[in-house]
Structure formats: C-alpha cells, structure tokens
C-alpha cells in the first residue's frame, strides 16, 4: 500500500462525509438511548463509538501531514 502525497479532493471529501454521517448516526443512537434506555441501546452505542474511533484514527493519521494536528473539533 503506497502512500499518496496528494489524494484527489473528491476522495478526501467522501471520507469526511463518511465520518460526519457516522457522527450523525451516533447522535441518533444517543437520543434513542434517552427514550428507551436498556442494554440494546447501550450495546449499539458502544459498537458505533468503536467504529467512529477507528475512522477518526484513520483520518487523522493521513491528514496530520497536510494539516498538522487534525481533530474532530472541526465537526462539532
């Protein structure tokens, strides 16, 4: 897997959109957790948080070279 210095812009945008969608998904699950509570919602939340963590890590590793320290605060 060779490292691309300058990936095409549309490729980067798609990755960001994916992360934003995951965050929106997490927000929906958190709201559901408020309303129904219980083990099912907590399990969904834990699973989604793990996925988002993996995505963020992948993004920041690639983006640090281009943008310095890149954090999710840009999206919140």
N, C-alpha and C. Protein backbone atom coordinates (compact mmCIF):
# COMPACT_ATOMS: atom_id res chain seq x y z
N UNK A 1 0.85 -1.19 0.00
CA UNK A 1 0.00 0.00 0.00
C UNK A 1 0.88 1.24 0.00
N UNK A 2 1.00 1.92 -1.14
CA UNK A 2 1.89 3.07 -1.19
C UNK A 2 1.15 4.34 -0.79
N UNK A 3 1.92 5.28 -0.25
CA UNK A 3 1.32 6.50 0.30
C UNK A 3 1.21 7.57 -0.77
N UNK A 4 0.02 8.08 -0.94
CA UNK A 4 -0.22 9.15 -1.90
C UNK A 4 -0.02 10.50 -1.22
N UNK A 5 0.85 11.34 -1.74
CA UNK A 5 1.08 12.64 -1.11
C UNK A 5 -0.18 13.50 -1.20
N UNK A 6 -0.77 13.54 -2.39
CA UNK A 6 -1.89 14.45 -2.62
C UNK A 6 -3.10 13.71 -3.19
N UNK A 7 -3.90 13.07 -2.32
CA UNK A 7 -5.07 12.36 -2.84
C UNK A 7 -6.06 13.34 -3.47
N UNK A 8 -6.84 12.88 -4.45
CA UNK A 8 -7.81 13.77 -5.09
C UNK A 8 -8.80 14.33 -4.08
N UNK A 9 -9.23 15.54 -4.32
CA UNK A 9 -10.09 16.25 -3.37
C UNK A 9 -11.40 15.50 -3.13
N UNK A 10 -12.00 14.97 -4.20
CA UNK A 10 -13.28 14.29 -4.02
C UNK A 10 -13.13 13.07 -3.11
N UNK A 11 -11.97 12.43 -3.14
CA UNK A 11 -11.73 11.27 -2.28
C UNK A 11 -11.72 11.71 -0.81
N UNK A 12 -11.02 12.80 -0.53
CA UNK A 12 -10.98 13.31 0.84
C UNK A 12 -12.37 13.71 1.31
N UNK A 13 -13.11 14.41 0.44
CA UNK A 13 -14.44 14.87 0.83
C UNK A 13 -15.33 13.68 1.17
N UNK A 14 -15.24 12.61 0.39
CA UNK A 14 -16.05 11.43 0.68
C UNK A 14 -15.72 10.85 2.05
N UNK A 15 -14.45 10.85 2.41
CA UNK A 15 -14.06 10.34 3.74
C UNK A 15 -14.66 11.22 4.83
N UNK A 16 -14.57 12.53 4.67
CA UNK A 16 -15.12 13.43 5.67
C UNK A 16 -16.63 13.24 5.79
N UNK A 17 -17.31 13.11 4.65
CA UNK A 17 -18.76 12.89 4.68
C UNK A 17 -19.09 11.61 5.42
N UNK A 18 -18.27 10.58 5.22
CA UNK A 18 -18.49 9.33 5.93
C UNK A 18 -18.39 9.50 7.43
N UNK A 19 -17.39 10.25 7.89
CA UNK A 19 -17.23 10.48 9.32
C UNK A 19 -18.40 11.29 9.86
N UNK A 20 -18.80 12.32 9.11
CA UNK A 20 -19.93 13.15 9.55
C UNK A 20 -21.19 12.30 9.65
N UNK A 21 -21.42 11.43 8.68
CA UNK A 21 -22.59 10.54 8.73
C UNK A 21 -22.53 9.65 9.97
N UNK A 22 -21.35 9.14 10.29
CA UNK A 22 -21.22 8.28 11.47
C UNK A 22 -21.53 9.05 12.74
N UNK A 23 -21.09 10.31 12.79
CA UNK A 23 -21.37 11.14 13.97
C UNK A 23 -22.88 11.38 14.09
N UNK A 24 -23.54 11.65 12.96
CA UNK A 24 -24.99 11.84 12.98
C UNK A 24 -25.68 10.57 13.48
N UNK A 25 -25.18 9.43 13.02
CA UNK A 25 -25.73 8.14 13.44
C UNK A 25 -25.60 7.98 14.95
N UNK A 26 -24.44 8.33 15.47
CA UNK A 26 -24.18 8.22 16.90
C UNK A 26 -25.14 9.12 17.67
N UNK A 27 -25.40 10.32 17.16
CA UNK A 27 -26.31 11.25 17.81
C UNK A 27 -27.72 10.66 17.88
N UNK A 28 -28.15 10.05 16.79
CA UNK A 28 -29.47 9.42 16.75
C UNK A 28 -29.56 8.31 17.80
N UNK A 29 -28.50 7.51 17.89
CA UNK A 29 -28.49 6.41 18.87
C UNK A 29 -28.52 6.98 20.28
N UNK A 30 -27.80 8.07 20.52
CA UNK A 30 -27.80 8.68 21.85
C UNK A 30 -29.20 9.16 22.23
N UNK A 31 -29.92 9.73 21.25
CA UNK A 31 -31.29 10.16 21.51
C UNK A 31 -32.18 8.97 21.83
N UNK A 32 -32.00 7.89 21.07
CA UNK A 32 -32.79 6.68 21.32
C UNK A 32 -32.50 6.15 22.72
N UNK A 33 -31.25 6.25 23.12
CA UNK A 33 -30.83 5.79 24.45
C UNK A 33 -31.60 6.54 25.53
N UNK A 34 -31.78 7.86 25.35
CA UNK A 34 -32.55 8.65 26.30
C UNK A 34 -33.97 8.13 26.42
N UNK A 35 -34.59 7.82 25.28
CA UNK A 35 -36.00 7.47 25.28
C UNK A 35 -36.24 6.05 25.75
N UNK A 36 -35.44 5.09 25.30
CA UNK A 36 -35.76 3.71 25.64
C UNK A 36 -34.82 3.10 26.67
N UNK A 37 -33.61 3.68 26.81
CA UNK A 37 -32.67 3.12 27.78
C UNK A 37 -32.38 1.65 27.46
N UNK A 38 -31.90 0.92 28.45
CA UNK A 38 -31.76 -0.52 28.28
C UNK A 38 -30.45 -0.95 27.64
N UNK A 39 -30.23 -2.25 27.65
CA UNK A 39 -28.96 -2.84 27.20
C UNK A 39 -28.78 -2.74 25.70
N UNK A 40 -29.88 -2.86 24.95
CA UNK A 40 -29.77 -2.85 23.49
C UNK A 40 -29.17 -1.54 23.01
N UNK A 41 -29.71 -0.43 23.48
CA UNK A 41 -29.23 0.89 23.07
C UNK A 41 -27.78 1.08 23.48
N UNK A 42 -27.44 0.65 24.68
CA UNK A 42 -26.05 0.81 25.14
C UNK A 42 -25.09 0.01 24.28
N UNK A 43 -25.51 -1.19 23.89
CA UNK A 43 -24.66 -2.02 23.04
C UNK A 43 -24.47 -1.38 21.67
N UNK A 44 -25.56 -0.85 21.10
CA UNK A 44 -25.47 -0.15 19.82
C UNK A 44 -24.51 1.03 19.92
N UNK A 45 -24.63 1.78 21.01
CA UNK A 45 -23.80 2.96 21.22
C UNK A 45 -22.33 2.58 21.31
N UNK A 46 -22.05 1.52 22.06
CA UNK A 46 -20.66 1.08 22.24
C UNK A 46 -20.07 0.66 20.89
N UNK A 47 -20.85 -0.09 20.12
CA UNK A 47 -20.38 -0.58 18.83
C UNK A 47 -20.10 0.59 17.88
N UNK A 48 -21.02 1.55 17.81
CA UNK A 48 -20.87 2.68 16.90
C UNK A 48 -19.68 3.55 17.33
N UNK A 49 -19.51 3.75 18.62
CA UNK A 49 -18.38 4.54 19.11
C UNK A 49 -17.06 3.93 18.67
N UNK A 50 -16.97 2.61 18.73
CA UNK A 50 -15.74 1.93 18.31
C UNK A 50 -15.47 2.16 16.83
N UNK A 51 -16.52 2.06 16.01
CA UNK A 51 -16.37 2.27 14.57
C UNK A 51 -15.88 3.69 14.30
N UNK A 52 -16.50 4.66 14.98
CA UNK A 52 -16.12 6.06 14.75
C UNK A 52 -14.69 6.29 15.20
N UNK A 53 -14.31 5.70 16.32
CA UNK A 53 -12.94 5.82 16.78
C UNK A 53 -11.95 5.34 15.74
N UNK A 54 -12.26 4.22 15.12
CA UNK A 54 -11.38 3.67 14.08
C UNK A 54 -11.31 4.62 12.89
N UNK A 55 -12.45 5.17 12.50
CA UNK A 55 -12.48 6.09 11.36
C UNK A 55 -11.66 7.34 11.65
N UNK A 56 -11.85 7.90 12.85
CA UNK A 56 -11.12 9.11 13.21
C UNK A 56 -9.62 8.87 13.17
N UNK A 57 -9.21 7.73 13.71
CA UNK A 57 -7.78 7.42 13.75
C UNK A 57 -7.22 7.33 12.34
N UNK A 58 -7.95 6.65 11.46
CA UNK A 58 -7.51 6.51 10.08
C UNK A 58 -7.40 7.86 9.40
N UNK A 59 -8.39 8.72 9.63
CA UNK A 59 -8.38 10.05 9.03
C UNK A 59 -7.20 10.86 9.55
N UNK A 60 -7.05 10.91 10.88
CA UNK A 60 -6.03 11.80 11.43
C UNK A 60 -4.63 11.35 11.03
N UNK A 61 -4.40 10.06 10.93
CA UNK A 61 -3.07 9.60 10.51
C UNK A 61 -2.73 10.13 9.12
N UNK A 62 -3.71 10.12 8.22
CA UNK A 62 -3.46 10.60 6.85
C UNK A 62 -3.42 12.12 6.79
N UNK A 63 -4.21 12.78 7.62
CA UNK A 63 -4.37 14.22 7.48
C UNK A 63 -3.29 15.02 8.20
N UNK A 64 -2.66 14.42 9.20
CA UNK A 64 -1.69 15.16 10.01
C UNK A 64 -0.59 15.79 9.14
N UNK A 65 -0.13 15.05 8.14
CA UNK A 65 0.93 15.58 7.28
C UNK A 65 0.48 16.85 6.55
N UNK A 66 -0.79 16.88 6.16
CA UNK A 66 -1.27 18.00 5.36
C UNK A 66 -1.71 19.18 6.23
N UNK A 67 -2.30 18.89 7.38
CA UNK A 67 -2.97 19.94 8.14
C UNK A 67 -2.41 20.10 9.54
N UNK A 68 -1.30 19.46 9.84
CA UNK A 68 -0.85 19.48 11.22
C UNK A 68 -1.79 18.63 12.06
N UNK A 69 -2.01 19.02 13.30
CA UNK A 69 -2.87 18.24 14.18
C UNK A 69 -4.33 18.40 13.76
N UNK A 70 -4.95 17.28 13.40
CA UNK A 70 -6.32 17.31 12.89
C UNK A 70 -7.22 16.61 13.88
N UNK A 71 -8.21 17.34 14.43
CA UNK A 71 -9.11 16.75 15.41
C UNK A 71 -10.55 16.89 15.00
N UNK A 72 -11.43 16.13 15.65
CA UNK A 72 -12.84 16.15 15.28
C UNK A 72 -13.53 17.43 15.75
N UNK A 73 -12.82 18.30 16.48
CA UNK A 73 -13.46 19.55 16.91
C UNK A 73 -13.94 20.37 15.71
N UNK A 74 -13.35 20.12 14.54
CA UNK A 74 -13.78 20.83 13.34
C UNK A 74 -15.23 20.52 12.99
N UNK A 75 -15.73 19.37 13.43
CA UNK A 75 -17.08 18.94 13.04
C UNK A 75 -18.12 19.25 14.10
N UNK A 76 -17.68 19.65 15.31
CA UNK A 76 -18.66 19.78 16.39
C UNK A 76 -18.95 21.22 16.71
